[in-house]
Amino acid sequence: MTDGDPATRWAAADDATYPITLDIDFGADTTFDEYTDSGTNPRVQSFALQRWDAGTGAWVTFASRVNGIGHDLTVTGFGGVTTSRLRVALTGKLPTEV
């Protein structure tokens, strides 16, 4: 998620309550087999990728990592996922550097 300015970034407050979620609505079923983070600051320690299950009306986790997220991290190995909505749930962070 960008605002078009490479000099700015989004960051949650240091005292934010987790999980923090970013929901993406594709508008129609979309199939993918990898997720690439192409520029997030490596402050995120853990996260989960979730797909929307319209049948149950619930988010379903299909991949997660506890070893951080950062520039050019690619998450694979979850097979093909088809969904109309994707959620990136940030579940933990590294402390702010001083």
PDB file of N, CA and C in Angstrom:
ATOM      1  N   MET A   1       0.851  -1.156   0.000  1.00  0.00           N
ATOM      2  CA  MET A   1       0.000   0.000   0.000  1.00  0.00           C
ATOM      3  C   MET A   1       0.902   1.225   0.000  1.00  0.00           C
ATOM      4  N   THR A   2       0.715   2.090  -0.968  1.00  0.00           N
ATOM      5  CA  THR A   2       1.558   3.276  -1.073  1.00  0.00           C
ATOM      6  C   THR A   2       0.698   4.515  -1.266  1.00  0.00           C
ATOM      7  N   ASP A   3       1.318   5.666  -1.040  1.00  0.00           N
ATOM      8  CA  ASP A   3       0.635   6.932  -1.285  1.00  0.00           C
ATOM      9  C   ASP A   3       1.259   7.672  -2.460  1.00  0.00           C
ATOM     10  N   GLY A   4       2.154   6.971  -3.186  1.00  0.00           N
ATOM     11  CA  GLY A   4       2.785   7.575  -4.342  1.00  0.00           C
ATOM     12  C   GLY A   4       4.049   8.354  -4.019  1.00  0.00           C
ATOM     13  N   ASP A   5       4.383   8.503  -2.759  1.00  0.00           N
ATOM     14  CA  ASP A   5       5.574   9.241  -2.362  1.00  0.00           C
ATOM     15  C   ASP A   5       6.571   8.270  -1.739  1.00  0.00           C
ATOM     16  N   PRO A   6       7.686   7.973  -2.421  1.00  0.00           N
ATOM     17  CA  PRO A   6       8.642   7.001  -1.885  1.00  0.00           C
ATOM     18  C   PRO A   6       9.335   7.450  -0.594  1.00  0.00           C
ATOM     19  N   ALA A   7       9.163   8.709  -0.213  1.00  0.00           N
ATOM     20  CA  ALA A   7       9.800   9.209   1.002  1.00  0.00           C
ATOM     21  C   ALA A   7       8.922   9.013   2.239  1.00  0.00           C
ATOM     22  N   THR A   8       7.689   8.534   2.060  1.00  0.00           N
ATOM     23  CA  THR A   8       6.799   8.339   3.203  1.00  0.00           C
ATOM     24  C   THR A   8       6.433   6.870   3.329  1.00  0.00           C
ATOM     25  N   ARG A   9       5.953   6.504   4.521  1.00  0.00           N
ATOM     26  CA  ARG A   9       5.494   5.141   4.749  1.00  0.00           C
ATOM     27  C   ARG A   9       4.433   5.156   5.829  1.00  0.00           C
ATOM     28  N   TRP A  10       3.649   4.099   5.858  1.00  0.00           N
ATOM     29  CA  TRP A  10       2.662   3.941   6.908  1.00  0.00           C
ATOM     30  C   TRP A  10       3.305   3.180   8.051  1.00  0.00           C
ATOM     31  N   ALA A  11       2.981   3.543   9.274  1.00  0.00           N
ATOM     32  CA  ALA A  11       3.459   2.814  10.441  1.00  0.00           C
ATOM     33  C   ALA A  11       2.409   2.921  11.539  1.00  0.00           C
ATOM     34  N   ALA A  12       2.204   1.824  12.233  1.00  0.00           N
ATOM     35  CA  ALA A  12       1.285   1.837  13.364  1.00  0.00           C
ATOM     36  C   ALA A  12       1.968   2.516  14.544  1.00  0.00           C
ATOM     37  N   ALA A  13       1.166   3.008  15.451  1.00  0.00           N
ATOM     38  CA  ALA A  13       1.708   3.607  16.671  1.00  0.00           C
ATOM     39  C   ALA A  13       2.428   2.548  17.484  1.00  0.00           C
ATOM     40  N   ASP A  14       3.431   2.951  18.248  1.00  0.00           N
ATOM     41  CA  ASP A  14       4.187   2.008  19.074  1.00  0.00           C
ATOM     42  C   ASP A  14       3.302   1.255  20.056  1.00  0.00           C
ATOM     43  N   ASP A  15       2.197   1.868  20.494  1.00  0.00           N
ATOM     44  CA  ASP A  15       1.310   1.212  21.447  1.00  0.00           C
ATOM     45  C   ASP A  15       0.075   0.601  20.774  1.00  0.00           C
ATOM     46  N   ALA A  16       0.145   0.353  19.473  1.00  0.00           N
ATOM     47  CA  ALA A  16      -0.983  -0.210  18.735  1.00  0.00           C
ATOM     48  C   ALA A  16      -1.343  -1.596  19.268  1.00  0.00           C
ATOM     49  N   THR A  17      -2.624  -1.920  19.192  1.00  0.00           N
ATOM     50  CA  THR A  17      -3.115  -3.231  19.584  1.00  0.00           C
ATOM     51  C   THR A  17      -3.094  -4.141  18.359  1.00  0.00           C
ATOM     52  N   TYR A  18      -2.524  -5.336  18.517  1.00  0.00           N
ATOM     53  CA  TYR A  18      -2.420  -6.283  17.414  1.00  0.00           C
ATOM     54  C   TYR A  18      -3.499  -7.338  17.525  1.00  0.00           C
ATOM     55  N   PRO A  19      -3.997  -7.868  16.402  1.00  0.00           N
ATOM     56  CA  PRO A  19      -3.467  -7.669  15.060  1.00  0.00           C
ATOM     57  C   PRO A  19      -3.934  -6.356  14.437  1.00  0.00           C
ATOM     58  N   ILE A  20      -3.098  -5.847  13.560  1.00  0.00           N
ATOM     59  CA  ILE A  20      -3.437  -4.721  12.697  1.00  0.00           C
ATOM     60  C   ILE A  20      -3.661  -5.329  11.320  1.00  0.00           C
ATOM     61  N   THR A  21      -4.766  -5.005  10.678  1.00  0.00           N
ATOM     62  CA  THR A  21      -5.086  -5.671   9.418  1.00  0.00           C
ATOM     63  C   THR A  21      -5.189  -4.702   8.259  1.00  0.00           C
ATOM     64  N   LEU A  22      -4.818  -5.207   7.102  1.00  0.00           N
ATOM     65  CA  LEU A  22      -4.986  -4.513   5.834  1.00  0.00           C
ATOM     66  C   LEU A  22      -5.788  -5.447   4.949  1.00  0.00           C
ATOM     67  N   ASP A  23      -6.988  -5.035   4.549  1.00  0.00           N
ATOM     68  CA  ASP A  23      -7.854  -5.855   3.717  1.00  0.00           C
ATOM     69  C   ASP A  23      -7.833  -5.347   2.286  1.00  0.00           C
ATOM     70  N   ILE A  24      -7.693  -6.284   1.361  1.00  0.00           N
ATOM     71  CA  ILE A  24      -7.679  -5.961  -0.066  1.00  0.00           C
ATOM     72  C   ILE A  24      -8.854  -6.671  -0.709  1.00  0.00           C
ATOM     73  N   ASP A  25      -9.732  -5.909  -1.354  1.00  0.00           N
ATOM     74  CA  ASP A  25     -10.897  -6.476  -2.043  1.00  0.00           C
ATOM     75  C   ASP A  25     -10.603  -6.478  -3.538  1.00  0.00           C
ATOM     76  N   PHE A  26     -10.468  -7.657  -4.123  1.00  0.00           N
ATOM     77  CA  PHE A  26     -10.165  -7.784  -5.551  1.00  0.00           C
ATOM     78  C   PHE A  26     -11.383  -7.511  -6.426  1.00  0.00           C
ATOM     79  N   GLY A  27     -12.573  -7.542  -5.864  1.00  0.00           N
ATOM     80  CA  GLY A  27     -13.779  -7.304  -6.647  1.00  0.00           C
ATOM     81  C   GLY A  27     -14.305  -8.554  -7.339  1.00  0.00           C
ATOM     82  N   ALA A  28     -13.501  -9.591  -7.419  1.00  0.00           N
ATOM     83  CA  ALA A  28     -13.881 -10.869  -8.025  1.00  0.00           C
ATOM     84  C   ALA A  28     -12.880 -11.916  -7.560  1.00  0.00           C
ATOM     85  N   ASP A  29     -13.247 -13.184  -7.696  1.00  0.00           N
ATOM     86  CA  ASP A  29     -12.305 -14.232  -7.307  1.00  0.00           C
ATOM     87  C   ASP A  29     -11.001 -14.101  -8.080  1.00  0.00           C
ATOM     88  N   THR A  30      -9.905 -14.200  -7.348  1.00  0.00           N
ATOM     89  CA  THR A  30      -8.564 -14.097  -7.898  1.00  0.00           C
ATOM     90  C   THR A  30      -7.749 -15.253  -7.337  1.00  0.00           C
ATOM     91  N   THR A  31      -6.922 -15.876  -8.175  1.00  0.00           N
ATOM     92  CA  THR A  31      -6.084 -16.983  -7.730  1.00  0.00           C
ATOM     93  C   THR A  31      -4.627 -16.544  -7.727  1.00  0.00           C
ATOM     94  N   PHE A  32      -3.914 -16.885  -6.646  1.00  0.00           N
ATOM     95  CA  PHE A  32      -2.489 -16.562  -6.550  1.00  0.00           C
ATOM     96  C   PHE A  32      -1.805 -17.674  -5.774  1.00  0.00           C
ATOM     97  N   ASP A  33      -0.462 -17.761  -5.930  1.00  0.00           N
ATOM     98  CA  ASP A  33       0.290 -18.812  -5.240  1.00  0.00           C
ATOM     99  C   ASP A  33       1.550 -18.286  -4.559  1.00  0.00           C
ATOM    100  N   GLU A  34       1.671 -16.966  -4.463  1.00  0.00           N
ATOM    101  CA  GLU A  34       2.756 -16.375  -3.689  1.00  0.00           C
ATOM    102  C   GLU A  34       2.376 -14.965  -3.293  1.00  0.00           C
ATOM    103  N   TYR A  35       3.041 -14.483  -2.238  1.00  0.00           N
ATOM    104  CA  TYR A  35       2.852 -13.130  -1.758  1.00  0.00           C
ATOM    105  C   TYR A  35       4.233 -12.518  -1.626  1.00  0.00           C
ATOM    106  N   THR A  36       4.431 -11.350  -2.236  1.00  0.00           N
ATOM    107  CA  THR A  36       5.730 -10.680  -2.166  1.00  0.00           C
ATOM    108  C   THR A  36       5.566  -9.312  -1.529  1.00  0.00           C
ATOM    109  N   ASP A  37       6.354  -9.069  -0.511  1.00  0.00           N
ATOM    110  CA  ASP A  37       6.398  -7.749   0.112  1.00  0.00           C
ATOM    111  C   ASP A  37       7.559  -7.016  -0.523  1.00  0.00           C
ATOM    112  N   SER A  38       7.265  -5.991  -1.281  1.00  0.00           N
ATOM    113  CA  SER A  38       8.326  -5.343  -2.057  1.00  0.00           C
ATOM    114  C   SER A  38       8.839  -4.049  -1.443  1.00  0.00           C
ATOM    115  N   GLY A  39       8.601  -3.839  -0.162  1.00  0.00           N
ATOM    116  CA  GLY A  39       9.162  -2.609   0.365  1.00  0.00           C
ATOM    117  C   GLY A  39       8.809  -2.262   1.786  1.00  0.00           C
ATOM    118  N   THR A  40       8.300  -3.189   2.563  1.00  0.00           N
ATOM    119  CA  THR A  40       7.933  -2.875   3.933  1.00  0.00           C
ATOM    120  C   THR A  40       9.169  -2.747   4.806  1.00  0.00           C
ATOM    121  N   ASN A  41       9.127  -1.799   5.701  1.00  0.00           N
ATOM    122  CA  ASN A  41      10.189  -1.660   6.690  1.00  0.00           C
ATOM    123  C   ASN A  41      10.221  -2.934   7.524  1.00  0.00           C
ATOM    124  N   PRO A  42      11.397  -3.456   7.854  1.00  0.00           N
ATOM    125  CA  PRO A  42      11.470  -4.725   8.571  1.00  0.00           C
ATOM    126  C   PRO A  42      11.094  -4.641  10.049  1.00  0.00           C
ATOM    127  N   ARG A  43      10.256  -3.700  10.429  1.00  0.00           N
ATOM    128  CA  ARG A  43       9.786  -3.589  11.811  1.00  0.00           C
ATOM    129  C   ARG A  43       8.748  -4.643  12.151  1.00  0.00           C
ATOM    130  N   VAL A  44       8.126  -5.243  11.151  1.00  0.00           N
ATOM    131  CA  VAL A  44       7.108  -6.256  11.400  1.00  0.00           C
ATOM    132  C   VAL A  44       7.793  -7.563  11.776  1.00  0.00           C
ATOM    133  N   GLN A  45       7.452  -8.116  12.920  1.00  0.00           N
ATOM    134  CA  GLN A  45       8.042  -9.364  13.379  1.00  0.00           C
ATOM    135  C   GLN A  45       7.237 -10.573  12.913  1.00  0.00           C
ATOM    136  N   SER A  46       5.904 -10.504  13.009  1.00  0.00           N
ATOM    137  CA  SER A  46       5.087 -11.652  12.629  1.00  0.00           C
ATOM    138  C   SER A  46       3.828 -11.185  11.913  1.00  0.00           C
ATOM    139  N   PHE A  47       3.330 -12.056  11.039  1.00  0.00           N
ATOM    140  CA  PHE A  47       2.145 -11.718  10.268  1.00  0.00           C
ATOM    141  C   PHE A  47       1.461 -12.987   9.773  1.00  0.00           C
ATOM    142  N   ALA A  48       0.208 -12.838   9.360  1.00  0.00           N
ATOM    143  CA  ALA A  48      -0.550 -13.941   8.772  1.00  0.00           C
ATOM    144  C   ALA A  48      -1.217 -13.435   7.505  1.00  0.00           C
ATOM    145  N   LEU A  49      -1.326 -14.305   6.518  1.00  0.00           N
ATOM    146  CA  LEU A  49      -2.080 -14.028   5.302  1.00  0.00           C
ATOM    147  C   LEU A  49      -3.384 -14.811   5.404  1.00  0.00           C
ATOM    148  N   GLN A  50      -4.495 -14.118   5.131  1.00  0.00           N
ATOM    149  CA  GLN A  50      -5.801 -14.748   5.275  1.00  0.00           C
ATOM    150  C   GLN A  50      -6.641 -14.517   4.035  1.00  0.00           C
ATOM    151  N   ARG A  51      -7.464 -15.503   3.708  1.00  0.00           N
ATOM    152  CA  ARG A  51      -8.413 -15.387   2.599  1.00  0.00           C
ATOM    153  C   ARG A  51      -9.815 -15.319   3.175  1.00  0.00           C
ATOM    154  N   TRP A  52     -10.688 -14.637   2.452  1.00  0.00           N
ATOM    155  CA  TRP A  52     -12.077 -14.539   2.869  1.00  0.00           C
ATOM    156  C   TRP A  52     -12.823 -15.772   2.391  1.00  0.00           C
ATOM    157  N   ASP A  53     -13.536 -16.430   3.289  1.00  0.00           N
ATOM    158  CA  ASP A  53     -14.379 -17.572   2.941  1.00  0.00           C
ATOM    159  C   ASP A  53     -15.822 -17.090   2.948  1.00  0.00           C
ATOM    160  N   ALA A  54     -16.376 -16.843   1.763  1.00  0.00           N
ATOM    161  CA  ALA A  54     -17.728 -16.303   1.653  1.00  0.00           C
ATOM    162  C   ALA A  54     -18.763 -17.277   2.204  1.00  0.00           C
ATOM    163  N   GLY A  55     -18.477 -18.577   2.121  1.00  0.00           N
ATOM    164  CA  GLY A  55     -19.411 -19.582   2.620  1.00  0.00           C
ATOM    165  C   GLY A  55     -19.607 -19.525   4.117  1.00  0.00           C
ATOM    166  N   THR A  56     -18.547 -19.273   4.858  1.00  0.00           N
ATOM    167  CA  THR A  56     -18.638 -19.214   6.316  1.00  0.00           C
ATOM    168  C   THR A  56     -18.659 -17.785   6.837  1.00  0.00           C
ATOM    169  N   GLY A  57     -18.329 -16.817   5.971  1.00  0.00           N
ATOM    170  CA  GLY A  57     -18.278 -15.423   6.408  1.00  0.00           C
ATOM    171  C   GLY A  57     -17.148 -15.162   7.381  1.00  0.00           C
ATOM    172  N   ALA A  58     -16.013 -15.863   7.162  1.00  0.00           N
ATOM    173  CA  ALA A  58     -14.889 -15.734   8.090  1.00  0.00           C
ATOM    174  C   ALA A  58     -13.568 -15.678   7.344  1.00  0.00           C
ATOM    175  N   TRP A  59     -12.553 -15.111   7.989  1.00  0.00           N
ATOM    176  CA  TRP A  59     -11.197 -15.095   7.469  1.00  0.00           C
ATOM    177  C   TRP A  59     -10.515 -16.410   7.815  1.00  0.00           C
ATOM    178  N   VAL A  60      -9.767 -16.976   6.856  1.00  0.00           N
ATOM    179  CA  VAL A  60      -9.067 -18.238   7.044  1.00  0.00           C
ATOM    180  C   VAL A  60      -7.576 -18.015   6.790  1.00  0.00           C
ATOM    181  N   THR A  61      -6.734 -18.325   7.765  1.00  0.00           N
ATOM    182  CA  THR A  61      -5.293 -18.173   7.615  1.00  0.00           C
ATOM    183  C   THR A  61      -4.753 -19.276   6.716  1.00  0.00           C
ATOM    184  N   PHE A  62      -3.971 -18.892   5.685  1.00  0.00           N
ATOM    185  CA  PHE A  62      -3.363 -19.887   4.811  1.00  0.00           C
ATOM    186  C   PHE A  62      -1.840 -19.816   4.818  1.00  0.00           C
ATOM    187  N   ALA A  63      -1.264 -18.806   5.418  1.00  0.00           N
ATOM    188  CA  ALA A  63       0.196 -18.707   5.553  1.00  0.00           C
ATOM    189  C   ALA A  63       0.507 -17.741   6.678  1.00  0.00           C
ATOM    190  N   SER A  64       1.622 -17.981   7.365  1.00  0.00           N
ATOM    191  CA  SER A  64       2.054 -17.057   8.408  1.00  0.00           C
ATOM    192  C   SER A  64       3.558 -17.164   8.572  1.00  0.00           C
ATOM    193  N   ARG A  65       4.146 -16.128   9.148  1.00  0.00           N
ATOM    194  CA  ARG A  65       5.587 -16.087   9.395  1.00  0.00           C
ATOM    195  C   ARG A  65       5.823 -15.424  10.744  1.00  0.00           C
ATOM    196  N   VAL A  66       6.836 -15.882  11.454  1.00  0.00           N
ATOM    197  CA  VAL A  66       7.210 -15.276  12.727  1.00  0.00           C
ATOM    198  C   VAL A  66       8.626 -14.716  12.677  1.00  0.00           C
ATOM    199  N   ASN A  67       9.268 -14.829  11.517  1.00  0.00           N
ATOM    200  CA  ASN A  67      10.661 -14.389  11.385  1.00  0.00           C
ATOM    201  C   ASN A  67      10.778 -13.075  10.631  1.00  0.00           C
ATOM    202  N   GLY A  68       9.768 -12.246  10.735  1.00  0.00           N
ATOM    203  CA  GLY A  68       9.845 -10.917  10.147  1.00  0.00           C
ATOM    204  C   GLY A  68       9.337 -10.837   8.729  1.00  0.00           C
ATOM    205  N   ILE A  69       9.238  -9.621   8.295  1.00  0.00           N
ATOM    206  CA  ILE A  69       8.805  -9.298   6.945  1.00  0.00           C
ATOM    207  C   ILE A  69       9.696  -8.154   6.508  1.00  0.00           C
ATOM    208  N   GLY A  70       9.972  -8.052   5.269  1.00  0.00           N
ATOM    209  CA  GLY A  70      10.823  -6.953   4.840  1.00  0.00           C
ATOM    210  C   GLY A  70      10.962  -6.912   3.342  1.00  0.00           C
ATOM    211  N   HIS A  71      11.789  -6.039   2.900  1.00  0.00           N
ATOM    212  CA  HIS A  71      11.973  -5.788   1.485  1.00  0.00           C
ATOM    213  C   HIS A  71      12.237  -7.080   0.722  1.00  0.00           C
ATOM    214  N   ASP A  72      11.413  -7.338  -0.273  1.00  0.00           N
ATOM    215  CA  ASP A  72      11.532  -8.473  -1.197  1.00  0.00           C
ATOM    216  C   ASP A  72      11.360  -9.847  -0.553  1.00  0.00           C
ATOM    217  N   LEU A  73      10.644  -9.933   0.563  1.00  0.00           N
ATOM    218  CA  LEU A  73      10.298 -11.230   1.131  1.00  0.00           C
ATOM    219  C   LEU A  73       9.178 -11.835   0.300  1.00  0.00           C
ATOM    220  N   THR A  74       9.344 -13.065  -0.149  1.00  0.00           N
ATOM    221  CA  THR A  74       8.302 -13.774  -0.876  1.00  0.00           C
ATOM    222  C   THR A  74       7.849 -14.958  -0.045  1.00  0.00           C
ATOM    223  N   VAL A  75       6.551 -15.069   0.150  1.00  0.00           N
ATOM    224  CA  VAL A  75       5.961 -16.180   0.889  1.00  0.00           C
ATOM    225  C   VAL A  75       5.368 -17.134  -0.139  1.00  0.00           C
ATOM    226  N   THR A  76       5.827 -18.380  -0.124  1.00  0.00           N
ATOM    227  CA  THR A  76       5.337 -19.404  -1.050  1.00  0.00           C
ATOM    228  C   THR A  76       5.028 -20.665  -0.255  1.00  0.00           C
ATOM    229  N   GLY A  77       4.633 -21.718  -0.966  1.00  0.00           N
ATOM    230  CA  GLY A  77       4.418 -23.006  -0.326  1.00  0.00           C
ATOM    231  C   GLY A  77       3.009 -23.230   0.180  1.00  0.00           C
ATOM    232  N   PHE A  78       2.088 -22.317  -0.102  1.00  0.00           N
ATOM    233  CA  PHE A  78       0.722 -22.508   0.365  1.00  0.00           C
ATOM    234  C   PHE A  78      -0.206 -22.983  -0.754  1.00  0.00           C
ATOM    235  N   GLY A  79       0.377 -23.290  -1.923  1.00  0.00           N
ATOM    236  CA  GLY A  79      -0.449 -23.746  -3.045  1.00  0.00           C
ATOM    237  C   GLY A  79      -1.252 -22.609  -3.620  1.00  0.00           C
ATOM    238  N   GLY A  80      -2.145 -22.911  -4.510  1.00  0.00           N
ATOM    239  CA  GLY A  80      -2.986 -21.878  -5.107  1.00  0.00           C
ATOM    240  C   GLY A  80      -4.138 -21.510  -4.187  1.00  0.00           C
ATOM    241  N   VAL A  81      -4.360 -20.229  -3.995  1.00  0.00           N
ATOM    242  CA  VAL A  81      -5.468 -19.732  -3.188  1.00  0.00           C
ATOM    243  C   VAL A  81      -6.364 -18.910  -4.094  1.00  0.00           C
ATOM    244  N   THR A  82      -7.654 -19.181  -4.043  1.00  0.00           N
ATOM    245  CA  THR A  82      -8.627 -18.399  -4.799  1.00  0.00           C
ATOM    246  C   THR A  82      -9.547 -17.713  -3.806  1.00  0.00           C
ATOM    247  N   THR A  83      -9.643 -16.403  -3.918  1.00  0.00           N
ATOM    248  CA  THR A  83     -10.472 -15.621  -3.004  1.00  0.00           C
ATOM    249  C   THR A  83     -10.801 -14.272  -3.630  1.00  0.00           C
ATOM    250  N   SER A  84     -11.835 -13.641  -3.139  1.00  0.00           N
ATOM    251  CA  SER A  84     -12.166 -12.292  -3.611  1.00  0.00           C
ATOM    252  C   SER A  84     -11.553 -11.226  -2.710  1.00  0.00           C
ATOM    253  N   ARG A  85     -11.069 -11.649  -1.512  1.00  0.00           N
ATOM    254  CA  ARG A  85     -10.490 -10.707  -0.562  1.00  0.00           C
ATOM    255  C   ARG A  85      -9.275 -11.332   0.114  1.00  0.00           C
ATOM    256  N   LEU A  86      -8.262 -10.510   0.340  1.00  0.00           N
ATOM    257  CA  LEU A  86      -7.038 -10.925   1.010  1.00  0.00           C
ATOM    258  C   LEU A  86      -6.822 -10.022   2.219  1.00  0.00           C
ATOM    259  N   ARG A  87      -6.416 -10.627   3.317  1.00  0.00           N
ATOM    260  CA  ARG A  87      -6.089  -9.844   4.516  1.00  0.00           C
ATOM    261  C   ARG A  87      -4.640 -10.122   4.886  1.00  0.00           C
ATOM    262  N   VAL A  88      -3.894  -9.046   5.147  1.00  0.00           N
ATOM    263  CA  VAL A  88      -2.569  -9.144   5.731  1.00  0.00           C
ATOM    264  C   VAL A  88      -2.748  -8.708   7.179  1.00  0.00           C
ATOM    265  N   ALA A  89      -2.537  -9.639   8.103  1.00  0.00           N
ATOM    266  CA  ALA A  89      -2.715  -9.359   9.524  1.00  0.00           C
ATOM    267  C   ALA A  89      -1.347  -9.281  10.184  1.00  0.00           C
ATOM    268  N   LEU A  90      -0.965  -8.087  10.587  1.00  0.00           N
ATOM    269  CA  LEU A  90       0.297  -7.898  11.309  1.00  0.00           C
ATOM    270  C   LEU A  90       0.030  -8.288  12.755  1.00  0.00           C
ATOM    271  N   THR A  91       0.791  -9.259  13.273  1.00  0.00           N
ATOM    272  CA  THR A  91       0.495  -9.804  14.586  1.00  0.00           C
ATOM    273  C   THR A  91       1.545  -9.457  15.650  1.00  0.00           C
ATOM    274  N   GLY A  92       2.678  -8.918  15.243  1.00  0.00           N
ATOM    275  CA  GLY A  92       3.703  -8.520  16.198  1.00  0.00           C
ATOM    276  C   GLY A  92       4.750  -7.659  15.524  1.00  0.00           C
ATOM    277  N   LYS A  93       5.460  -6.860  16.329  1.00  0.00           N
ATOM    278  CA  LYS A  93       6.451  -5.952  15.748  1.00  0.00           C
ATOM    279  C   LYS A  93       7.738  -5.968  16.552  1.00  0.00           C
ATOM    280  N   LEU A  94       8.782  -5.514  15.894  1.00  0.00           N
ATOM    281  CA  LEU A  94      10.060  -5.301  16.561  1.00  0.00           C
ATOM    282  C   LEU A  94      10.023  -3.924  17.195  1.00  0.00           C
ATOM    283  N   PRO A  95      10.748  -3.715  18.283  1.00  0.00           N
ATOM    284  CA  PRO A  95      10.741  -2.393  18.912  1.00  0.00           C
ATOM    285  C   PRO A  95      11.317  -1.311  17.999  1.00  0.00           C
ATOM    286  N   THR A  96      10.892  -0.094  18.212  1.00  0.00           N
ATOM    287  CA  THR A  96      11.418   1.041  17.477  1.00  0.00           C
ATOM    288  C   THR A  96      12.889   1.218  17.795  1.00  0.00           C
ATOM    289  N   GLU A  97      13.671   1.468  16.747  1.00  0.00           N
ATOM    290  CA  GLU A  97      15.099   1.743  16.973  1.00  0.00           C
ATOM    291  C   GLU A  97      15.250   3.147  17.541  1.00  0.00           C
ATOM    292  N   VAL A  98      16.249   3.312  18.384  1.00  0.00           N
ATOM    293  CA  VAL A  98      16.517   4.644  18.938  1.00  0.00           C
ATOM    294  C   VAL A  98      17.791   5.209  18.375  1.00  0.00           C
TER     295      VAL A  98
END
